[in-house]
Protein backbone atom coordinates (compact mmCIF):
# COMPACT_ATOMS: atom_id res chain seq x y z
CA MET A 1 -11.13 -9.50 5.64
CA ARG A 2 -11.64 -11.58 8.71
CA PHE A 3 -9.39 -11.34 11.71
CA GLU A 4 -9.07 -13.51 14.78
CA ARG A 5 -9.54 -10.49 17.05
CA GLU A 6 -11.75 -7.44 16.76
CA GLU A 7 -8.77 -5.11 16.99
CA ILE A 8 -5.94 -5.39 14.50
CA ARG A 9 -2.49 -5.27 16.09
CA GLU A 10 0.58 -3.76 14.44
CA THR A 11 2.32 -7.13 14.70
CA ASP A 12 -0.42 -9.09 12.91
CA ILE A 13 0.81 -10.67 9.68
CA ILE A 14 -1.54 -9.95 6.79
CA THR A 15 -1.91 -12.39 3.89
CA CYS A 16 -3.67 -11.94 0.57
CA ALA A 17 -7.15 -13.48 0.65
CA ALA A 18 -6.96 -14.42 -3.04
CA CYS A 19 -3.56 -16.08 -3.31
CA GLY A 20 -2.28 -16.45 0.26
CA HIS A 21 0.80 -14.27 -0.34
CA ASN A 22 2.31 -12.86 2.86
CA LEU A 23 1.97 -9.06 2.68
CA GLY A 24 3.83 -8.40 5.92
CA THR A 25 2.84 -6.97 9.25
CA MET A 26 0.12 -4.39 9.63
CA ALA A 27 2.72 -1.81 10.69
CA ALA A 28 4.82 -2.41 7.56
CA ILE A 29 1.79 -2.22 5.29
CA ARG A 30 0.61 0.99 6.95
CA GLU A 31 4.07 2.53 6.52
CA LYS A 32 4.18 1.61 2.82
CA MET A 33 0.70 3.04 2.27
CA ASN A 34 1.63 6.30 4.00
CA LYS A 35 4.76 6.67 1.86
CA ALA A 36 2.77 6.02 -1.31
CA TYR A 37 0.15 8.57 -0.26
CA GLN A 38 2.83 11.18 0.40
CA ARG A 39 4.26 10.60 -3.09
CA LEU A 40 0.80 11.10 -4.59
CA LYS A 41 0.29 14.35 -2.72
CA GLN A 42 3.56 15.85 -3.99
CA PRO A 43 3.22 17.38 -7.44
CA SER A 44 5.73 15.96 -9.87
CA ALA A 45 8.29 18.14 -11.63
CA ALA A 46 6.57 17.52 -14.97
CA ARG A 47 3.28 18.91 -13.67
CA LYS A 48 5.01 22.00 -12.29
CA LEU A 49 6.38 22.92 -15.72
CA GLN A 50 3.00 22.84 -17.44
């Protein structure tokens, strides 16, 4: 990805390079990624039973 500045700010709006879809601000994307990572780290109930 190319950015106007060297440092990405939390308020920068990120768009998809392929289709131009607005993905949201860097802060919102980072928050979504952290939540998804936390869900991956937690073992599911199905795995606990096996």
